[in-house]
Amino acid sequence: MNLSPAAAALVLAGSRPGAPDPVAQAEGVSHKALVEIAGRPMLAHVVAALRGAGIERVAVSASDREVRDLALRLGCEVLATGSGPSASVAIALDALGAPLLVTTSDHALLKAEWVRDFIADAPQEADVAVLLADRAAIEAAMPGSRRTYLRLADGHWSGCNLFLLATARAGLAIDTWKTVEADRKRPWRIAARLGPGMLLGYALGRLPLSGAIGRLGRRIGVSASLVAAREGLAAVDVDKPADLADARTILERRRATAKA
């Protein structure tokens, strides 16, 4: 799939209600997007990767004043947040249109090539595409990393916080996205919503990657695809202080290699 020059990207930088974010709290900042890694705020790494992939129009969905100010300094548009990530995506899709690439501000390790590969690997007919990485690739790239996995017939897969809303029809999937958000740590519930056959297939490990989201898409009237990441690190974001320590090590190593 090719993105047109008019394509845009959205970086989700909202805050979940409830307890303070552990990374922001540990670093003494108001939002983890502001945490410095390898000489730059986390948000700056994400924006640089998107622009490196050729996406010039980047918007940030944020309510924190400092994050909004940083986004403007980085040359991004700033959008309001909704009641959750899916609602924020709906606001962005209305404002920016499709195709729209969506990622998160804690995707500190994001590389331009991962974005380009994801877009290239997404099927031409897809209205919506989601990037997943295989467990073996994740654990090889980041031993000890703890993630939530979907157990499918062709492996155990974890989300990479990269989504492509390729056409305007992708808006039909946003209400379903809200349901998936609520059950993101309990994949069996997502399967159960698709009927007993899907639940049984998931429980027995007989549901393949290619069919896992296709049936869901057909139910809501869109063509939806899961795309396999080429790099395991694409599934590693910064959720915990331990993740931050790992991200700092990797990005410092990248910076040293770039200077060599």
C-alpha atoms as a PDB file:
ATOM      1  CA  MET A   1       0.000   0.000   0.000  1.00  0.00           C
ATOM      2  CA  ASN A   2       1.238   3.504  -0.805  1.00  0.00           C
ATOM      3  CA  LEU A   3       0.386   6.545   1.284  1.00  0.00           C
ATOM      4  CA  SER A   4      -0.312   9.707  -0.675  1.00  0.00           C
ATOM      5  CA  PRO A   5       1.689  12.866   0.108  1.00  0.00           C
ATOM      6  CA  ALA A   6      -1.429  14.191   1.845  1.00  0.00           C
ATOM      7  CA  ALA A   7      -1.465  11.324   4.358  1.00  0.00           C
ATOM      8  CA  ALA A   8      -1.292  12.240   8.029  1.00  0.00           C
ATOM      9  CA  ALA A   9      -0.292  10.619  11.291  1.00  0.00           C
ATOM     10  CA  LEU A  10      -1.778  10.887  14.763  1.00  0.00           C
ATOM     11  CA  VAL A  11       0.218  10.454  17.968  1.00  0.00           C
ATOM     12  CA  LEU A  12      -1.987   9.574  20.941  1.00  0.00           C
ATOM     13  CA  ALA A  13      -0.686  11.356  24.039  1.00  0.00           C
ATOM     14  CA  GLY A  14      -3.722  11.389  26.293  1.00  0.00           C
ATOM     15  CA  SER A  15      -3.840  10.281  29.916  1.00  0.00           C
ATOM     16  CA  ARG A  16      -5.806   7.350  31.269  1.00  0.00           C
ATOM     17  CA  PRO A  17      -8.007   8.250  34.241  1.00  0.00           C
ATOM     18  CA  GLY A  18      -7.136   6.859  37.636  1.00  0.00           C
ATOM     19  CA  ALA A  19      -3.703   6.253  39.113  1.00  0.00           C
ATOM     20  CA  PRO A  20      -0.768   8.387  37.918  1.00  0.00           C
ATOM     21  CA  ASP A  21       1.342   6.980  35.111  1.00  0.00           C
ATOM     22  CA  PRO A  22       4.270   5.113  36.756  1.00  0.00           C
ATOM     23  CA  VAL A  23       6.856   6.317  34.205  1.00  0.00           C
ATOM     24  CA  ALA A  24       5.871   9.991  34.488  1.00  0.00           C
ATOM     25  CA  GLN A  25       5.737   9.701  38.265  1.00  0.00           C
ATOM     26  CA  ALA A  26       9.187   8.103  38.467  1.00  0.00           C
ATOM     27  CA  GLU A  27      10.680  10.823  36.242  1.00  0.00           C
ATOM     28  CA  GLY A  28       8.933  13.744  37.949  1.00  0.00           C
ATOM     29  CA  VAL A  29       7.090  15.014  34.856  1.00  0.00           C
ATOM     30  CA  SER A  30       3.424  15.609  34.149  1.00  0.00           C
ATOM     31  CA  HIS A  31       3.244  13.118  31.252  1.00  0.00           C
ATOM     32  CA  LYS A  32       5.551  10.361  30.059  1.00  0.00           C
ATOM     33  CA  ALA A  33       5.697  11.887  26.567  1.00  0.00           C
ATOM     34  CA  LEU A  34       7.959  14.513  28.180  1.00  0.00           C
ATOM     35  CA  VAL A  35      10.470  12.008  29.592  1.00  0.00           C
ATOM     36  CA  GLU A  36      13.924  12.535  28.113  1.00  0.00           C
ATOM     37  CA  ILE A  37      15.607   9.644  26.330  1.00  0.00           C
ATOM     38  CA  ALA A  38      18.940   9.992  24.530  1.00  0.00           C
ATOM     39  CA  GLY A  39      18.779  13.768  24.725  1.00  0.00           C
ATOM     40  CA  ARG A  40      15.200  14.276  23.488  1.00  0.00           C
ATOM     41  CA  PRO A  41      11.681  13.965  24.911  1.00  0.00           C
ATOM     42  CA  MET A  42       9.980  10.682  24.083  1.00  0.00           C
ATOM     43  CA  LEU A  43       7.410  12.463  21.908  1.00  0.00           C
ATOM     44  CA  ALA A  44      10.204  13.961  19.792  1.00  0.00           C
ATOM     45  CA  HIS A  45      11.533  10.476  18.962  1.00  0.00           C
ATOM     46  CA  VAL A  46       8.084   9.377  17.773  1.00  0.00           C
ATOM     47  CA  VAL A  47       7.525  12.485  15.647  1.00  0.00           C
ATOM     48  CA  ALA A  48      10.999  12.161  14.087  1.00  0.00           C
ATOM     49  CA  ALA A  49      10.300   8.547  13.090  1.00  0.00           C
ATOM     50  CA  LEU A  50       7.012   9.492  11.437  1.00  0.00           C
ATOM     51  CA  ARG A  51       8.612  12.328   9.503  1.00  0.00           C
ATOM     52  CA  GLY A  52      11.503  10.055   8.571  1.00  0.00           C
ATOM     53  CA  ALA A  53       8.921   7.726   7.028  1.00  0.00           C
ATOM     54  CA  GLY A  54       7.773  10.582   4.788  1.00  0.00           C
ATOM     55  CA  ILE A  55       4.677  11.649   6.734  1.00  0.00           C
ATOM     56  CA  GLU A  56       4.864  15.421   6.965  1.00  0.00           C
ATOM     57  CA  ARG A  57       1.501  16.155   8.590  1.00  0.00           C
ATOM     58  CA  VAL A  58       1.660  14.950  12.194  1.00  0.00           C
ATOM     59  CA  ALA A  59      -0.958  15.700  14.833  1.00  0.00           C
ATOM     60  CA  VAL A  60      -0.760  15.033  18.569  1.00  0.00           C
ATOM     61  CA  SER A  61      -3.846  14.310  20.655  1.00  0.00           C
ATOM     62  CA  ALA A  62      -3.115  15.619  24.149  1.00  0.00           C
ATOM     63  CA  SER A  63      -4.713  17.401  27.081  1.00  0.00           C
ATOM     64  CA  ASP A  64      -1.554  18.018  29.135  1.00  0.00           C
ATOM     65  CA  ARG A  65      -0.431  21.628  28.602  1.00  0.00           C
ATOM     66  CA  GLU A  66       3.275  20.818  28.490  1.00  0.00           C
ATOM     67  CA  VAL A  67       2.742  18.048  25.961  1.00  0.00           C
ATOM     68  CA  ARG A  68       0.636  20.340  23.797  1.00  0.00           C
ATOM     69  CA  ASP A  69       3.333  23.024  23.967  1.00  0.00           C
ATOM     70  CA  LEU A  70       6.014  20.504  23.020  1.00  0.00           C
ATOM     71  CA  ALA A  71       3.937  19.253  20.100  1.00  0.00           C
ATOM     72  CA  LEU A  72       3.644  22.798  18.753  1.00  0.00           C
ATOM     73  CA  ARG A  73       7.408  23.315  19.084  1.00  0.00           C
ATOM     74  CA  LEU A  74       7.898  20.129  17.088  1.00  0.00           C
ATOM     75  CA  GLY A  75       5.733  21.573  14.319  1.00  0.00           C
ATOM     76  CA  CYS A  76       2.764  19.296  14.960  1.00  0.00           C
ATOM     77  CA  GLU A  77      -0.914  20.091  14.967  1.00  0.00           C
ATOM     78  CA  VAL A  78      -2.597  19.687  18.351  1.00  0.00           C
ATOM     79  CA  LEU A  79      -5.981  18.012  18.688  1.00  0.00           C
ATOM     80  CA  ALA A  80      -8.324  17.530  21.615  1.00  0.00           C
ATOM     81  CA  THR A  81      -8.501  14.186  23.384  1.00  0.00           C
ATOM     82  CA  GLY A  82     -11.678  12.157  23.637  1.00  0.00           C
ATOM     83  CA  SER A  83     -12.894   9.980  26.502  1.00  0.00           C
ATOM     84  CA  GLY A  84     -10.402   7.280  25.462  1.00  0.00           C
ATOM     85  CA  PRO A  85      -7.987   6.436  22.635  1.00  0.00           C
ATOM     86  CA  SER A  86     -10.724   5.398  20.203  1.00  0.00           C
ATOM     87  CA  ALA A  87     -12.646   8.632  20.780  1.00  0.00           C
ATOM     88  CA  SER A  88      -9.437  10.604  20.206  1.00  0.00           C
ATOM     89  CA  VAL A  89      -8.907   8.716  16.936  1.00  0.00           C
ATOM     90  CA  ALA A  90     -12.466   9.586  15.869  1.00  0.00           C
ATOM     91  CA  ILE A  91     -11.730  13.287  16.449  1.00  0.00           C
ATOM     92  CA  ALA A  92      -8.529  12.997  14.415  1.00  0.00           C
ATOM     93  CA  LEU A  93     -10.179  11.114  11.544  1.00  0.00           C
ATOM     94  CA  ASP A  94     -12.770  13.889  11.272  1.00  0.00           C
ATOM     95  CA  ALA A  95     -10.051  16.555  11.327  1.00  0.00           C
ATOM     96  CA  LEU A  96      -7.376  14.910   9.185  1.00  0.00           C
ATOM     97  CA  GLY A  97      -9.202  12.402   7.001  1.00  0.00           C
ATOM     98  CA  ALA A  98      -7.883   9.125   5.647  1.00  0.00           C
ATOM     99  CA  PRO A  99      -5.396   7.599   5.168  1.00  0.00           C
ATOM    100  CA  LEU A 100      -4.374   8.146   8.775  1.00  0.00           C
ATOM    101  CA  LEU A 101      -1.557   6.343  10.569  1.00  0.00           C
ATOM    102  CA  VAL A 102      -2.032   6.114  14.353  1.00  0.00           C
ATOM    103  CA  THR A 103       0.613   5.481  17.004  1.00  0.00           C
ATOM    104  CA  THR A 104       1.314   6.421  20.624  1.00  0.00           C
ATOM    105  CA  SER A 105       3.638   8.862  22.352  1.00  0.00           C
ATOM    106  CA  ASP A 106       5.274   6.069  24.385  1.00  0.00           C
ATOM    107  CA  HIS A 107       6.477   4.252  21.256  1.00  0.00           C
ATOM    108  CA  ALA A 108       9.972   5.580  21.930  1.00  0.00           C
ATOM    109  CA  LEU A 109      11.785   2.931  19.881  1.00  0.00           C
ATOM    110  CA  LEU A 110       9.723   3.589  16.749  1.00  0.00           C
ATOM    111  CA  LYS A 111      11.797   3.641  13.568  1.00  0.00           C
ATOM    112  CA  ALA A 112      10.901   5.178  10.217  1.00  0.00           C
ATOM    113  CA  GLU A 113      11.568   1.877   8.461  1.00  0.00           C
ATOM    114  CA  TRP A 114       8.997   0.084  10.639  1.00  0.00           C
ATOM    115  CA  VAL A 115       6.388   2.623   9.564  1.00  0.00           C
ATOM    116  CA  ARG A 116       7.324   2.279   5.901  1.00  0.00           C
ATOM    117  CA  ASP A 117       7.330  -1.528   6.118  1.00  0.00           C
ATOM    118  CA  PHE A 118       3.929  -1.591   7.811  1.00  0.00           C
ATOM    119  CA  ILE A 119       2.385   0.613   5.152  1.00  0.00           C
ATOM    120  CA  ALA A 120       4.012  -1.423   2.366  1.00  0.00           C
ATOM    121  CA  ASP A 121       2.847  -4.744   3.869  1.00  0.00           C
ATOM    122  CA  ALA A 122      -0.760  -3.657   4.489  1.00  0.00           C
ATOM    123  CA  PRO A 123      -3.042  -5.188   1.816  1.00  0.00           C
ATOM    124  CA  GLN A 124      -4.170  -2.782  -0.885  1.00  0.00           C
ATOM    125  CA  GLU A 125      -7.828  -3.601  -0.197  1.00  0.00           C
ATOM    126  CA  ALA A 126      -7.652  -3.001   3.579  1.00  0.00           C
ATOM    127  CA  ASP A 127      -9.740  -0.244   5.142  1.00  0.00           C
ATOM    128  CA  VAL A 128      -8.016  -0.889   8.482  1.00  0.00           C
ATOM    129  CA  ALA A 129      -4.677  -2.559   9.243  1.00  0.00           C
ATOM    130  CA  VAL A 130      -3.078  -3.384  12.599  1.00  0.00           C
ATOM    131  CA  LEU A 131       0.579  -4.287  13.165  1.00  0.00           C
ATOM    132  CA  LEU A 132       1.450  -7.270  15.401  1.00  0.00           C
ATOM    133  CA  ALA A 133       4.799  -8.861  16.300  1.00  0.00           C
ATOM    134  CA  ASP A 134       5.500 -12.531  16.958  1.00  0.00           C
ATOM    135  CA  ARG A 135       6.464 -13.509  20.504  1.00  0.00           C
ATOM    136  CA  ALA A 136       9.659 -15.266  19.441  1.00  0.00           C
ATOM    137  CA  ALA A 137      10.841 -12.133  17.614  1.00  0.00           C
ATOM    138  CA  ILE A 138       9.972  -9.910  20.583  1.00  0.00           C
ATOM    139  CA  GLU A 139      11.766 -12.106  23.111  1.00  0.00           C
ATOM    140  CA  ALA A 140      14.816 -12.410  20.861  1.00  0.00           C
ATOM    141  CA  ALA A 141      15.005  -8.634  20.517  1.00  0.00           C
ATOM    142  CA  MET A 142      14.149  -7.863  24.152  1.00  0.00           C
ATOM    143  CA  PRO A 143      14.708 -10.840  26.496  1.00  0.00           C
ATOM    144  CA  GLY A 144      12.495 -10.648  29.558  1.00  0.00           C
ATOM    145  CA  SER A 145      10.012  -8.210  28.024  1.00  0.00           C
ATOM    146  CA  ARG A 146       6.504  -8.869  29.364  1.00  0.00           C
ATOM    147  CA  ARG A 147       3.655  -8.285  26.912  1.00  0.00           C
ATOM    148  CA  THR A 148       0.050  -9.341  26.430  1.00  0.00           C
ATOM    149  CA  TYR A 149      -0.198 -11.951  23.659  1.00  0.00           C
ATOM    150  CA  LEU A 150      -2.920 -13.167  21.336  1.00  0.00           C
ATOM    151  CA  ARG A 151      -2.587 -16.952  21.040  1.00  0.00           C
ATOM    152  CA  LEU A 152      -3.233 -17.797  17.402  1.00  0.00           C
ATOM    153  CA  ALA A 153      -2.671 -20.884  15.288  1.00  0.00           C
ATOM    154  CA  ASP A 154       0.464 -19.439  13.719  1.00  0.00           C
ATOM    155  CA  GLY A 155       2.062 -18.074  16.891  1.00  0.00           C
ATOM    156  CA  HIS A 156       1.616 -15.756  19.840  1.00  0.00           C
ATOM    157  CA  TRP A 157       1.300 -12.130  18.779  1.00  0.00           C
ATOM    158  CA  SER A 158       1.472  -8.763  20.538  1.00  0.00           C
ATOM    159  CA  GLY A 159       0.293  -5.351  19.344  1.00  0.00           C
ATOM    160  CA  CYS A 160       2.785  -2.769  18.080  1.00  0.00           C
ATOM    161  CA  ASN A 161       0.757   0.418  18.643  1.00  0.00           C
ATOM    162  CA  LEU A 162       0.651   1.057  14.908  1.00  0.00           C
ATOM    163  CA  PHE A 163      -2.692   1.274  13.135  1.00  0.00           C
ATOM    164  CA  LEU A 164      -3.564   2.336   9.609  1.00  0.00           C
ATOM    165  CA  LEU A 165      -6.972   3.806   8.868  1.00  0.00           C
ATOM    166  CA  ALA A 166      -6.538   3.533   5.137  1.00  0.00           C
ATOM    167  CA  THR A 167      -9.952   4.700   3.929  1.00  0.00           C
ATOM    168  CA  ALA A 168     -12.872   6.733   5.199  1.00  0.00           C
ATOM    169  CA  ARG A 169     -14.704   3.453   5.865  1.00  0.00           C
ATOM    170  CA  ALA A 170     -12.295   2.889   8.754  1.00  0.00           C
ATOM    171  CA  GLY A 171     -14.521   5.168  10.813  1.00  0.00           C
ATOM    172  CA  LEU A 172     -16.999   2.281  11.031  1.00  0.00           C
ATOM    173  CA  ALA A 173     -14.465   0.381  13.149  1.00  0.00           C
ATOM    174  CA  ILE A 174     -14.080   3.007  15.867  1.00  0.00           C
ATOM    175  CA  ASP A 175     -17.050   1.906  17.983  1.00  0.00           C
ATOM    176  CA  THR A 176     -15.672  -1.645  17.914  1.00  0.00           C
ATOM    177  CA  TRP A 177     -12.249  -0.263  18.863  1.00  0.00           C
ATOM    178  CA  LYS A 178     -13.842   1.023  22.077  1.00  0.00           C
ATOM    179  CA  THR A 179     -14.906  -2.519  22.935  1.00  0.00           C
ATOM    180  CA  VAL A 180     -11.439  -3.885  22.164  1.00  0.00           C
ATOM    181  CA  GLU A 181      -9.909  -1.208  24.428  1.00  0.00           C
ATOM    182  CA  ALA A 182     -11.965  -2.417  27.347  1.00  0.00           C
ATOM    183  CA  ASP A 183     -10.827  -6.020  26.811  1.00  0.00           C
ATOM    184  CA  ARG A 184      -7.271  -5.414  25.588  1.00  0.00           C
ATOM    185  CA  LYS A 185      -5.763  -7.464  28.452  1.00  0.00           C
ATOM    186  CA  ARG A 186      -8.307 -10.279  28.039  1.00  0.00           C
ATOM    187  CA  PRO A 187      -8.150 -11.409  24.389  1.00  0.00           C
ATOM    188  CA  TRP A 188     -10.555 -14.298  24.938  1.00  0.00           C
ATOM    189  CA  ARG A 189     -13.336 -11.790  25.591  1.00  0.00           C
ATOM    190  CA  ILE A 190     -12.734 -10.209  22.198  1.00  0.00           C
ATOM    191  CA  ALA A 191     -13.015 -13.644  20.595  1.00  0.00           C
ATOM    192  CA  ALA A 192     -16.179 -14.385  22.590  1.00  0.00           C
ATOM    193  CA  ARG A 193     -17.887 -11.301  21.168  1.00  0.00           C
ATOM    194  CA  LEU A 194     -17.532 -12.828  17.697  1.00  0.00           C
ATOM    195  CA  GLY A 195     -19.500 -15.934  18.596  1.00  0.00           C
ATOM    196  CA  PRO A 196     -18.910 -19.404  20.031  1.00  0.00           C
ATOM    197  CA  GLY A 197     -17.066 -20.648  16.943  1.00  0.00           C
ATOM    198  CA  MET A 198     -14.495 -17.869  17.164  1.00  0.00           C
ATOM    199  CA  LEU A 199     -14.116 -18.354  20.929  1.00  0.00           C
ATOM    200  CA  LEU A 200     -13.566 -22.103  20.506  1.00  0.00           C
ATOM    201  CA  GLY A 201     -11.047 -21.515  17.722  1.00  0.00           C
ATOM    202  CA  TYR A 202      -9.143 -19.065  19.922  1.00  0.00           C
ATOM    203  CA  ALA A 203      -9.258 -21.363  22.972  1.00  0.00           C
ATOM    204  CA  LEU A 204      -7.912 -24.308  20.945  1.00  0.00           C
ATOM    205  CA  GLY A 205      -5.265 -22.217  19.221  1.00  0.00           C
ATOM    206  CA  ARG A 206      -6.778 -22.859  15.785  1.00  0.00           C
ATOM    207  CA  LEU A 207      -7.463 -19.256  14.780  1.00  0.00           C
ATOM    208  CA  PRO A 208      -4.823 -18.022  12.283  1.00  0.00           C
ATOM    209  CA  LEU A 209      -3.429 -14.485  12.170  1.00  0.00           C
ATOM    210  CA  SER A 210      -4.942 -13.902   8.748  1.00  0.00           C
ATOM    211  CA  GLY A 211      -8.470 -14.714   9.928  1.00  0.00           C
ATOM    212  CA  ALA A 212      -8.418 -13.207  13.405  1.00  0.00           C
ATOM    213  CA  ILE A 213      -9.457  -9.710  12.441  1.00  0.00           C
ATOM    214  CA  GLY A 214     -11.002 -10.405   9.040  1.00  0.00           C
ATOM    215  CA  ARG A 215     -14.166 -11.830  10.571  1.00  0.00           C
ATOM    216  CA  LEU A 216     -14.461  -8.882  12.936  1.00  0.00           C
ATOM    217  CA  GLY A 217     -14.083  -6.501   9.998  1.00  0.00           C
ATOM    218  CA  ARG A 218     -16.777  -8.259   8.003  1.00  0.00           C
ATOM    219  CA  ARG A 219     -19.177  -7.929  10.929  1.00  0.00           C
ATOM    220  CA  ILE A 220     -18.816  -4.154  10.932  1.00  0.00           C
ATOM    221  CA  GLY A 221     -18.569  -3.693   7.173  1.00  0.00           C
ATOM    222  CA  VAL A 222     -14.865  -3.023   6.637  1.00  0.00           C
ATOM    223  CA  SER A 223     -11.886  -4.892   5.235  1.00  0.00           C
ATOM    224  CA  ALA A 224      -9.542  -5.347   8.206  1.00  0.00           C
ATOM    225  CA  SER A 225      -6.107  -6.957   8.239  1.00  0.00           C
ATOM    226  CA  LEU A 226      -3.474  -7.933  10.782  1.00  0.00           C
ATOM    227  CA  VAL A 227       0.060  -7.316   9.496  1.00  0.00           C
ATOM    228  CA  ALA A 228       3.105  -9.181  10.843  1.00  0.00           C
ATOM    229  CA  ALA A 229       5.936  -6.883  11.956  1.00  0.00           C
ATOM    230  CA  ARG A 230       9.368  -7.528  10.475  1.00  0.00           C
ATOM    231  CA  GLU A 231      11.069  -6.512  13.752  1.00  0.00           C
ATOM    232  CA  GLY A 232      10.211  -7.710  17.274  1.00  0.00           C
ATOM    233  CA  LEU A 233      11.169  -4.410  18.916  1.00  0.00           C
ATOM    234  CA  ALA A 234       8.196  -2.811  17.153  1.00  0.00           C
ATOM    235  CA  ALA A 235       5.988  -4.229  19.947  1.00  0.00           C
ATOM    236  CA  VAL A 236       8.009  -2.686  22.794  1.00  0.00           C
ATOM    237  CA  ASP A 237       6.661   0.547  24.236  1.00  0.00           C
ATOM    238  CA  VAL A 238       7.339   2.341  27.519  1.00  0.00           C
ATOM    239  CA  ASP A 239       4.701   1.273  30.034  1.00  0.00           C
ATOM    240  CA  LYS A 240       6.906   0.822  33.107  1.00  0.00           C
ATOM    241  CA  PRO A 241      10.143   2.260  34.517  1.00  0.00           C
ATOM    242  CA  ALA A 242      11.890  -0.975  33.493  1.00  0.00           C
ATOM    243  CA  ASP A 243      10.759  -0.381  29.889  1.00  0.00           C
ATOM    244  CA  LEU A 244      12.182   3.136  30.114  1.00  0.00           C
ATOM    245  CA  ALA A 245      15.570   1.807  31.215  1.00  0.00           C
ATOM    246  CA  ASP A 246      15.584  -0.600  28.258  1.00  0.00           C
ATOM    247  CA  ALA A 247      14.534   2.148  25.829  1.00  0.00           C
ATOM    248  CA  ARG A 248      17.307   4.416  27.070  1.00  0.00           C
ATOM    249  CA  THR A 249      19.897   1.679  26.550  1.00  0.00           C
ATOM    250  CA  ILE A 250      18.699   0.931  23.021  1.00  0.00           C
ATOM    251  CA  LEU A 251      18.403   4.560  21.934  1.00  0.00           C
ATOM    252  CA  GLU A 252      21.787   5.494  23.379  1.00  0.00           C
ATOM    253  CA  ARG A 253      23.228   2.560  21.443  1.00  0.00           C
ATOM    254  CA  ARG A 254      21.520   3.766  18.257  1.00  0.00           C
ATOM    255  CA  ARG A 255      22.842   7.278  18.797  1.00  0.00           C
ATOM    256  CA  ALA A 256      26.392   6.009  19.346  1.00  0.00           C
ATOM    257  CA  THR A 257      26.175   3.880  16.193  1.00  0.00           C
ATOM    258  CA  ALA A 258      24.927   6.846  14.172  1.00  0.00           C
ATOM    259  CA  LYS A 259      27.897   8.926  15.315  1.00  0.00           C
ATOM    260  CA  ALA A 260      30.453   6.205  14.538  1.00  0.00           C
END
